[in-house]
PDB file of N, CA and C in Angstrom:
ATOM      1  N   UNK A   1     -10.590   0.359 -15.569  1.00  0.00           N
ATOM      2  CA  UNK A   1     -10.706   1.653 -16.204  1.00  0.00           C
ATOM      3  C   UNK A   1      -9.349   1.991 -16.850  1.00  0.00           C
ATOM      4  N   UNK A   2      -9.328   2.375 -18.106  1.00  0.00           N
ATOM      5  CA  UNK A   2      -8.066   2.734 -18.759  1.00  0.00           C
ATOM      6  C   UNK A   2      -7.482   4.026 -18.182  1.00  0.00           C
ATOM      7  N   UNK A   3      -6.218   4.232 -18.471  1.00  0.00           N
ATOM      8  CA  UNK A   3      -5.525   5.424 -17.991  1.00  0.00           C
ATOM      9  C   UNK A   3      -4.675   5.995 -19.109  1.00  0.00           C
ATOM     10  N   UNK A   4      -4.344   7.279 -18.985  1.00  0.00           N
ATOM     11  CA  UNK A   4      -3.436   7.921 -19.928  1.00  0.00           C
ATOM     12  C   UNK A   4      -2.266   8.491 -19.138  1.00  0.00           C
ATOM     13  N   UNK A   5      -1.093   8.436 -19.749  1.00  0.00           N
ATOM     14  CA  UNK A   5       0.121   8.913 -19.114  1.00  0.00           C
ATOM     15  C   UNK A   5       0.742  10.016 -19.966  1.00  0.00           C
ATOM     16  N   UNK A   6       1.093  11.126 -19.343  1.00  0.00           N
ATOM     17  CA  UNK A   6       1.721  12.254 -20.028  1.00  0.00           C
ATOM     18  C   UNK A   6       3.191  11.918 -20.258  1.00  0.00           C
ATOM     19  N   UNK A   7       3.611  11.844 -21.510  1.00  0.00           N
ATOM     20  CA  UNK A   7       4.983  11.486 -21.859  1.00  0.00           C
ATOM     21  C   UNK A   7       5.852  12.709 -22.148  1.00  0.00           C
ATOM     22  N   UNK A   8       5.328  13.893 -21.945  1.00  0.00           N
ATOM     23  CA  UNK A   8       6.075  15.116 -22.241  1.00  0.00           C
ATOM     24  C   UNK A   8       6.649  15.708 -20.958  1.00  0.00           C
ATOM     25  N   UNK A   9       7.439  16.746 -21.091  1.00  0.00           N
ATOM     26  CA  UNK A   9       8.010  17.462 -19.957  1.00  0.00           C
ATOM     27  C   UNK A   9       7.222  18.728 -19.640  1.00  0.00           C
ATOM     28  N   UNK A  10       5.986  18.804 -20.121  1.00  0.00           N
ATOM     29  CA  UNK A  10       5.141  19.970 -19.877  1.00  0.00           C
ATOM     30  C   UNK A  10       3.736  19.504 -19.505  1.00  0.00           C
ATOM     31  N   UNK A  11       2.975  20.331 -18.812  1.00  0.00           N
ATOM     32  CA  UNK A  11       1.599  19.958 -18.485  1.00  0.00           C
ATOM     33  C   UNK A  11       0.744  19.874 -19.740  1.00  0.00           C
ATOM     34  N   UNK A  12      -0.206  18.936 -19.737  1.00  0.00           N
ATOM     35  CA  UNK A  12      -1.106  18.767 -20.868  1.00  0.00           C
ATOM     36  C   UNK A  12      -2.552  18.866 -20.424  1.00  0.00           C
ATOM     37  N   UNK A  13      -3.401  19.338 -21.324  1.00  0.00           N
ATOM     38  CA  UNK A  13      -4.846  19.308 -21.147  1.00  0.00           C
ATOM     39  C   UNK A  13      -5.376  18.288 -22.138  1.00  0.00           C
ATOM     40  N   UNK A  14      -5.909  17.193 -21.616  1.00  0.00           N
ATOM     41  CA  UNK A  14      -6.405  16.100 -22.454  1.00  0.00           C
ATOM     42  C   UNK A  14      -7.911  16.263 -22.596  1.00  0.00           C
ATOM     43  N   UNK A  15      -8.403  16.476 -23.833  1.00  0.00           N
ATOM     44  CA  UNK A  15      -9.844  16.640 -24.033  1.00  0.00           C
ATOM     45  C   UNK A  15     -10.580  15.318 -23.849  1.00  0.00           C
ATOM     46  N   UNK A  16     -11.712  15.390 -23.160  1.00  0.00           N
ATOM     47  CA  UNK A  16     -12.550  14.219 -22.912  1.00  0.00           C
ATOM     48  C   UNK A  16     -13.958  14.480 -23.434  1.00  0.00           C
ATOM     49  N   UNK A  17     -14.765  13.439 -23.596  1.00  0.00           N
ATOM     50  CA  UNK A  17     -16.152  13.642 -24.048  1.00  0.00           C
ATOM     51  C   UNK A  17     -16.936  14.541 -23.095  1.00  0.00           C
ATOM     52  N   UNK A  18     -18.006  15.076 -23.572  1.00  0.00           N
ATOM     53  CA  UNK A  18     -18.907  15.957 -22.825  1.00  0.00           C
ATOM     54  C   UNK A  18     -18.250  17.274 -22.437  1.00  0.00           C
ATOM     55  N   UNK A  19     -17.205  17.686 -23.172  1.00  0.00           N
ATOM     56  CA  UNK A  19     -16.568  18.962 -22.929  1.00  0.00           C
ATOM     57  C   UNK A  19     -15.664  19.004 -21.711  1.00  0.00           C
ATOM     58  N   UNK A  20     -15.369  17.859 -21.117  1.00  0.00           N
ATOM     59  CA  UNK A  20     -14.505  17.818 -19.946  1.00  0.00           C
ATOM     60  C   UNK A  20     -13.045  17.757 -20.374  1.00  0.00           C
ATOM     61  N   UNK A  21     -12.155  18.089 -19.443  1.00  0.00           N
ATOM     62  CA  UNK A  21     -10.721  18.101 -19.709  1.00  0.00           C
ATOM     63  C   UNK A  21      -9.982  17.470 -18.535  1.00  0.00           C
ATOM     64  N   UNK A  22      -8.987  16.635 -18.846  1.00  0.00           N
ATOM     65  CA  UNK A  22      -8.121  16.051 -17.834  1.00  0.00           C
ATOM     66  C   UNK A  22      -6.793  16.776 -17.890  1.00  0.00           C
ATOM     67  N   UNK A  23      -6.381  17.377 -16.782  1.00  0.00           N
ATOM     68  CA  UNK A  23      -5.114  18.103 -16.726  1.00  0.00           C
ATOM     69  C   UNK A  23      -4.061  17.177 -16.134  1.00  0.00           C
ATOM     70  N   UNK A  24      -2.991  16.931 -16.895  1.00  0.00           N
ATOM     71  CA  UNK A  24      -1.922  16.035 -16.462  1.00  0.00           C
ATOM     72  C   UNK A  24      -0.598  16.774 -16.409  1.00  0.00           C
ATOM     73  N   UNK A  25       0.085  16.662 -15.288  1.00  0.00           N
ATOM     74  CA  UNK A  25       1.416  17.231 -15.163  1.00  0.00           C
ATOM     75  C   UNK A  25       2.424  16.353 -15.890  1.00  0.00           C
ATOM     76  N   UNK A  26       3.645  16.814 -16.039  1.00  0.00           N
ATOM     77  CA  UNK A  26       4.681  16.034 -16.728  1.00  0.00           C
ATOM     78  C   UNK A  26       4.904  14.677 -16.065  1.00  0.00           C
ATOM     79  N   UNK A  27       4.796  13.613 -16.850  1.00  0.00           N
ATOM     80  CA  UNK A  27       5.018  12.267 -16.356  1.00  0.00           C
ATOM     81  C   UNK A  27       3.900  11.686 -15.513  1.00  0.00           C
ATOM     82  N   UNK A  28       2.798  12.396 -15.344  1.00  0.00           N
ATOM     83  CA  UNK A  28       1.704  11.932 -14.500  1.00  0.00           C
ATOM     84  C   UNK A  28       0.719  11.076 -15.284  1.00  0.00           C
ATOM     85  N   UNK A  29      -0.088  10.295 -14.552  1.00  0.00           N
ATOM     86  CA  UNK A  29      -1.066   9.393 -15.141  1.00  0.00           C
ATOM     87  C   UNK A  29      -2.436   9.698 -14.549  1.00  0.00           C
ATOM     88  N   UNK A  30      -3.474   9.611 -15.388  1.00  0.00           N
ATOM     89  CA  UNK A  30      -4.833   9.830 -14.926  1.00  0.00           C
ATOM     90  C   UNK A  30      -5.788   8.831 -15.547  1.00  0.00           C
ATOM     91  N   UNK A  31      -6.844   8.496 -14.832  1.00  0.00           N
ATOM     92  CA  UNK A  31      -7.831   7.541 -15.323  1.00  0.00           C
ATOM     93  C   UNK A  31      -8.851   8.221 -16.214  1.00  0.00           C
ATOM     94  N   UNK A  32      -9.271   7.491 -17.238  1.00  0.00           N
ATOM     95  CA  UNK A  32     -10.312   7.968 -18.144  1.00  0.00           C
ATOM     96  C   UNK A  32     -11.308   6.839 -18.364  1.00  0.00           C
ATOM     97  N   UNK A  33     -12.454   7.166 -18.920  1.00  0.00           N
ATOM     98  CA  UNK A  33     -13.445   6.143 -19.215  1.00  0.00           C
ATOM     99  C   UNK A  33     -13.117   5.464 -20.539  1.00  0.00           C
ATOM    100  N   UNK A  34     -13.673   4.284 -20.738  1.00  0.00           N
ATOM    101  CA  UNK A  34     -13.468   3.558 -21.992  1.00  0.00           C
ATOM    102  C   UNK A  34     -14.065   4.349 -23.158  1.00  0.00           C
ATOM    103  N   UNK A  35     -15.134   5.085 -22.894  1.00  0.00           N
ATOM    104  CA  UNK A  35     -15.771   5.908 -23.923  1.00  0.00           C
ATOM    105  C   UNK A  35     -14.838   7.018 -24.405  1.00  0.00           C
ATOM    106  N   UNK A  36     -14.004   7.530 -23.506  1.00  0.00           N
ATOM    107  CA  UNK A  36     -13.087   8.620 -23.849  1.00  0.00           C
ATOM    108  C   UNK A  36     -12.025   8.177 -24.848  1.00  0.00           C
ATOM    109  N   UNK A  37     -11.726   6.892 -24.907  1.00  0.00           N
ATOM    110  CA  UNK A  37     -10.721   6.381 -25.845  1.00  0.00           C
ATOM    111  C   UNK A  37     -11.130   6.580 -27.303  1.00  0.00           C
ATOM    112  N   UNK A  38     -12.424   6.762 -27.535  1.00  0.00           N
ATOM    113  CA  UNK A  38     -12.931   6.950 -28.893  1.00  0.00           C
ATOM    114  C   UNK A  38     -12.832   8.408 -29.362  1.00  0.00           C
ATOM    115  N   UNK A  39     -12.468   9.325 -28.482  1.00  0.00           N
ATOM    116  CA  UNK A  39     -12.381  10.744 -28.806  1.00  0.00           C
ATOM    117  C   UNK A  39     -11.257  10.991 -29.815  1.00  0.00           C
ATOM    118  N   UNK A  40     -11.562  11.701 -30.902  1.00  0.00           N
ATOM    119  CA  UNK A  40     -10.579  11.967 -31.958  1.00  0.00           C
ATOM    120  C   UNK A  40      -9.419  12.838 -31.476  1.00  0.00           C
ATOM    121  N   UNK A  41      -9.697  13.817 -30.633  1.00  0.00           N
ATOM    122  CA  UNK A  41      -8.629  14.690 -30.124  1.00  0.00           C
ATOM    123  C   UNK A  41      -7.669  13.894 -29.243  1.00  0.00           C
ATOM    124  N   UNK A  42      -8.194  12.962 -28.466  1.00  0.00           N
ATOM    125  CA  UNK A  42      -7.351  12.119 -27.634  1.00  0.00           C
ATOM    126  C   UNK A  42      -6.485  11.213 -28.519  1.00  0.00           C
ATOM    127  N   UNK A  43      -7.067  10.681 -29.582  1.00  0.00           N
ATOM    128  CA  UNK A  43      -6.317   9.831 -30.515  1.00  0.00           C
ATOM    129  C   UNK A  43      -5.172  10.613 -31.172  1.00  0.00           C
ATOM    130  N   UNK A  44      -5.392  11.900 -31.448  1.00  0.00           N
ATOM    131  CA  UNK A  44      -4.329  12.727 -32.039  1.00  0.00           C
ATOM    132  C   UNK A  44      -3.157  12.875 -31.083  1.00  0.00           C
ATOM    133  N   UNK A  45      -3.438  13.056 -29.785  1.00  0.00           N
ATOM    134  CA  UNK A  45      -2.371  13.169 -28.789  1.00  0.00           C
ATOM    135  C   UNK A  45      -1.588  11.856 -28.664  1.00  0.00           C
ATOM    136  N   UNK A  46      -2.292  10.733 -28.787  1.00  0.00           N
ATOM    137  CA  UNK A  46      -1.638   9.426 -28.739  1.00  0.00           C
ATOM    138  C   UNK A  46      -0.748   9.252 -29.959  1.00  0.00           C
ATOM    139  N   UNK A  47      -1.274   9.589 -31.145  1.00  0.00           N
ATOM    140  CA  UNK A  47      -0.503   9.459 -32.387  1.00  0.00           C
ATOM    141  C   UNK A  47       0.734  10.363 -32.388  1.00  0.00           C
ATOM    142  N   UNK A  48       0.636  11.523 -31.738  1.00  0.00           N
ATOM    143  CA  UNK A  48       1.757  12.453 -31.671  1.00  0.00           C
ATOM    144  C   UNK A  48       2.796  12.023 -30.625  1.00  0.00           C
ATOM    145  N   UNK A  49       2.467  11.016 -29.811  1.00  0.00           N
ATOM    146  CA  UNK A  49       3.397  10.538 -28.788  1.00  0.00           C
ATOM    147  C   UNK A  49       3.400  11.372 -27.525  1.00  0.00           C
ATOM    148  N   UNK A  50       2.437  12.267 -27.382  1.00  0.00           N
ATOM    149  CA  UNK A  50       2.386  13.110 -26.188  1.00  0.00           C
ATOM    150  C   UNK A  50       1.787  12.386 -24.992  1.00  0.00           C
ATOM    151  N   UNK A  51       0.851  11.477 -25.256  1.00  0.00           N
ATOM    152  CA  UNK A  51       0.282  10.670 -24.187  1.00  0.00           C
ATOM    153  C   UNK A  51       0.315   9.207 -24.592  1.00  0.00           C
ATOM    154  N   UNK A  52       0.233   8.344 -23.603  1.00  0.00           N
ATOM    155  CA  UNK A  52       0.201   6.912 -23.834  1.00  0.00           C
ATOM    156  C   UNK A  52      -1.000   6.344 -23.088  1.00  0.00           C
ATOM    157  N   UNK A  53      -1.755   5.466 -23.739  1.00  0.00           N
ATOM    158  CA  UNK A  53      -2.876   4.806 -23.086  1.00  0.00           C
ATOM    159  C   UNK A  53      -2.335   3.563 -22.396  1.00  0.00           C
ATOM    160  N   UNK A  54      -2.649   3.430 -21.107  1.00  0.00           N
ATOM    161  CA  UNK A  54      -2.165   2.316 -20.299  1.00  0.00           C
ATOM    162  C   UNK A  54      -3.371   1.552 -19.777  1.00  0.00           C
ATOM    163  N   UNK A  55      -3.386   0.237 -19.974  1.00  0.00           N
ATOM    164  CA  UNK A  55      -4.495  -0.558 -19.449  1.00  0.00           C
ATOM    165  C   UNK A  55      -4.292  -0.808 -17.971  1.00  0.00           C
ATOM    166  N   UNK A  56      -5.334  -1.193 -17.269  1.00  0.00           N
ATOM    167  CA  UNK A  56      -5.249  -1.454 -15.836  1.00  0.00           C
ATOM    168  C   UNK A  56      -4.347  -2.634 -15.518  1.00  0.00           C
ATOM    169  N   UNK A  57      -4.275  -3.614 -16.395  1.00  0.00           N
ATOM    170  CA  UNK A  57      -3.527  -4.825 -16.118  1.00  0.00           C
ATOM    171  C   UNK A  57      -2.034  -4.584 -16.003  1.00  0.00           C
ATOM    172  N   UNK A  58      -1.477  -3.663 -16.814  1.00  0.00           N
ATOM    173  CA  UNK A  58      -0.035  -3.475 -16.839  1.00  0.00           C
ATOM    174  C   UNK A  58       0.440  -2.300 -16.004  1.00  0.00           C
ATOM    175  N   UNK A  59      -0.462  -1.537 -15.402  1.00  0.00           N
ATOM    176  CA  UNK A  59      -0.080  -0.346 -14.659  1.00  0.00           C
ATOM    177  C   UNK A  59       0.292  -0.697 -13.227  1.00  0.00           C
ATOM    178  N   UNK A  60       1.442  -0.252 -12.761  1.00  0.00           N
ATOM    179  CA  UNK A  60       1.805  -0.501 -11.367  1.00  0.00           C
ATOM    180  C   UNK A  60       0.910   0.295 -10.436  1.00  0.00           C
ATOM    181  N   UNK A  61       0.655  -0.238  -9.241  1.00  0.00           N
ATOM    182  CA  UNK A  61      -0.262   0.443  -8.334  1.00  0.00           C
ATOM    183  C   UNK A  61       0.425   1.462  -7.443  1.00  0.00           C
ATOM    184  N   UNK A  62       1.721   1.331  -7.204  1.00  0.00           N
ATOM    185  CA  UNK A  62       2.401   2.293  -6.334  1.00  0.00           C
ATOM    186  C   UNK A  62       3.785   2.617  -6.877  1.00  0.00           C
ATOM    187  N   UNK A  63       3.879   2.816  -8.150  1.00  0.00           N
ATOM    188  CA  UNK A  63       5.160   3.101  -8.779  1.00  0.00           C
ATOM    189  C   UNK A  63       5.524   4.557  -8.708  1.00  0.00           C
ATOM    190  N   UNK A  64       6.611   4.948  -9.373  1.00  0.00           N
ATOM    191  CA  UNK A  64       7.070   6.331  -9.318  1.00  0.00           C
ATOM    192  C   UNK A  64       6.192   7.296 -10.094  1.00  0.00           C
ATOM    193  N   UNK A  65       5.118   6.818 -10.743  1.00  0.00           N
ATOM    194  CA  UNK A  65       4.238   7.687 -11.507  1.00  0.00           C
ATOM    195  C   UNK A  65       3.328   8.543 -10.658  1.00  0.00           C
ATOM    196  N   UNK A  66       3.316   8.323  -9.351  1.00  0.00           N
ATOM    197  CA  UNK A  66       2.528   9.170  -8.479  1.00  0.00           C
ATOM    198  C   UNK A  66       1.130   8.657  -8.206  1.00  0.00           C
ATOM    199  N   UNK A  67       0.814   7.443  -8.619  1.00  0.00           N
ATOM    200  CA  UNK A  67      -0.497   6.881  -8.372  1.00  0.00           C
ATOM    201  C   UNK A  67      -0.595   6.476  -6.908  1.00  0.00           C
ATOM    202  N   UNK A  68      -1.660   6.859  -6.211  1.00  0.00           N
ATOM    203  CA  UNK A  68      -1.750   6.634  -4.776  1.00  0.00           C
ATOM    204  C   UNK A  68      -2.437   5.324  -4.422  1.00  0.00           C
ATOM    205  N   UNK A  69      -2.994   4.610  -5.384  1.00  0.00           N
ATOM    206  CA  UNK A  69      -3.639   3.349  -5.060  1.00  0.00           C
ATOM    207  C   UNK A  69      -2.574   2.337  -4.639  1.00  0.00           C
ATOM    208  N   UNK A  70      -2.904   1.498  -3.678  1.00  0.00           N
ATOM    209  CA  UNK A  70      -1.992   0.458  -3.263  1.00  0.00           C
ATOM    210  C   UNK A  70      -1.034   0.872  -2.161  1.00  0.00           C
ATOM    211  N   UNK A  71      -1.051   2.092  -1.746  1.00  0.00           N
ATOM    212  CA  UNK A  71      -0.170   2.519  -0.660  1.00  0.00           C
ATOM    213  C   UNK A  71      -0.844   2.263   0.683  1.00  0.00           C
ATOM    214  N   UNK A  72      -0.043   2.077   1.684  1.00  0.00           N
ATOM    215  CA  UNK A  72      -0.558   1.801   3.015  1.00  0.00           C
ATOM    216  C   UNK A  72      -1.248   3.029   3.598  1.00  0.00           C
ATOM    217  N   UNK A  73      -2.261   2.769   4.389  1.00  0.00           N
ATOM    218  CA  UNK A  73      -2.969   3.845   5.059  1.00  0.00           C
ATOM    219  C   UNK A  73      -2.293   4.143   6.390  1.00  0.00           C
ATOM    220  N   UNK A  74      -2.192   5.392   6.753  1.00  0.00           N
ATOM    221  CA  UNK A  74      -1.569   5.778   7.997  1.00  0.00           C
ATOM    222  C   UNK A  74      -2.595   6.196   9.039  1.00  0.00           C
ATOM    223  N   UNK A  75      -3.856   5.920   8.807  1.00  0.00           N
ATOM    224  CA  UNK A  75      -4.894   6.283   9.749  1.00  0.00           C
ATOM    225  C   UNK A  75      -5.102   5.161  10.756  1.00  0.00           C
ATOM    226  N   UNK A  76      -5.416   5.502  11.985  1.00  0.00           N
ATOM    227  CA  UNK A  76      -5.771   4.509  12.983  1.00  0.00           C
ATOM    228  C   UNK A  76      -4.663   4.213  13.965  1.00  0.00           C
ATOM    229  N   UNK A  77      -3.571   3.656  13.539  1.00  0.00           N
ATOM    230  CA  UNK A  77      -2.490   3.262  14.440  1.00  0.00           C
ATOM    231  C   UNK A  77      -1.284   4.160  14.240  1.00  0.00           C
ATOM    232  N   UNK A  78      -0.647   4.478  15.354  1.00  0.00           N
ATOM    233  CA  UNK A  78       0.576   5.271  15.247  1.00  0.00           C
ATOM    234  C   UNK A  78       1.774   4.338  15.196  1.00  0.00           C
ATOM    235  N   UNK A  79       2.909   4.865  14.873  1.00  0.00           N
ATOM    236  CA  UNK A  79       4.119   4.052  14.779  1.00  0.00           C
ATOM    237  C   UNK A  79       4.981   4.201  16.026  1.00  0.00           C
ATOM    238  N   UNK A  80       4.365   4.323  17.180  1.00  0.00           N
ATOM    239  CA  UNK A  80       5.122   4.397  18.425  1.00  0.00           C
ATOM    240  C   UNK A  80       5.452   5.817  18.853  1.00  0.00           C
ATOM    241  N   UNK A  81       4.842   6.808  18.241  1.00  0.00           N
ATOM    242  CA  UNK A  81       5.152   8.187  18.573  1.00  0.00           C
ATOM    243  C   UNK A  81       4.274   8.758  19.664  1.00  0.00           C
ATOM    244  N   UNK A  82       3.518   7.909  20.359  1.00  0.00           N
ATOM    245  CA  UNK A  82       2.604   8.390  21.378  1.00  0.00           C
ATOM    246  C   UNK A  82       3.309   8.683  22.695  1.00  0.00           C
ATOM    247  N   UNK A  83       2.537   9.141  23.675  1.00  0.00           N
ATOM    248  CA  UNK A  83       3.079   9.468  25.003  1.00  0.00           C
ATOM    249  C   UNK A  83       3.216   8.166  25.788  1.00  0.00           C
ATOM    250  N   UNK A  84       4.364   8.004  26.424  1.00  0.00           N
ATOM    251  CA  UNK A  84       4.614   6.807  27.233  1.00  0.00           C
ATOM    252  C   UNK A  84       4.679   7.192  28.709  1.00  0.00           C
ATOM    253  N   UNK A  85       4.121   6.358  29.513  1.00  0.00           N
ATOM    254  CA  UNK A  85       4.186   6.582  30.956  1.00  0.00           C
ATOM    255  C   UNK A  85       5.420   5.866  31.504  1.00  0.00           C
ATOM    256  N   UNK A  86       6.188   6.534  32.316  1.00  0.00           N
ATOM    257  CA  UNK A  86       7.448   5.983  32.788  1.00  0.00           C
ATOM    258  C   UNK A  86       7.272   4.867  33.796  1.00  0.00           C
ATOM    259  N   UNK A  87       6.183   4.762  34.496  1.00  0.00           N
ATOM    260  CA  UNK A  87       6.013   3.762  35.545  1.00  0.00           C
ATOM    261  C   UNK A  87       5.375   2.466  35.080  1.00  0.00           C
ATOM    262  N   UNK A  88       5.018   2.312  33.806  1.00  0.00           N
ATOM    263  CA  UNK A  88       4.289   1.140  33.346  1.00  0.00           C
ATOM    264  C   UNK A  88       5.176   0.022  32.812  1.00  0.00           C
ATOM    265  N   UNK A  89       6.457   0.089  32.898  1.00  0.00           N
ATOM    266  CA  UNK A  89       7.313  -0.955  32.327  1.00  0.00           C
ATOM    267  C   UNK A  89       7.605  -1.990  33.303  1.00  0.00           C
TER     268      UNK A  89
END
């Protein structure tokens, strides 16, 4: 799935097909459908340099852009912060 990245220092509202809108904070990235790439308003934002279209192949999964995919899950096991019994050693 393609993605768009906000290249400005201000929040943007990216128009999508079917009257939907993607709200992106400064420097943030969001996923869009391939169909949305054909939207004329989206193309204008790309031409103006306000957003950049990023393909899935070149996008980092856990970089400083704030994307949460690829990060470790913290559910299930603790990191040793549980209660220890003094007599079991």
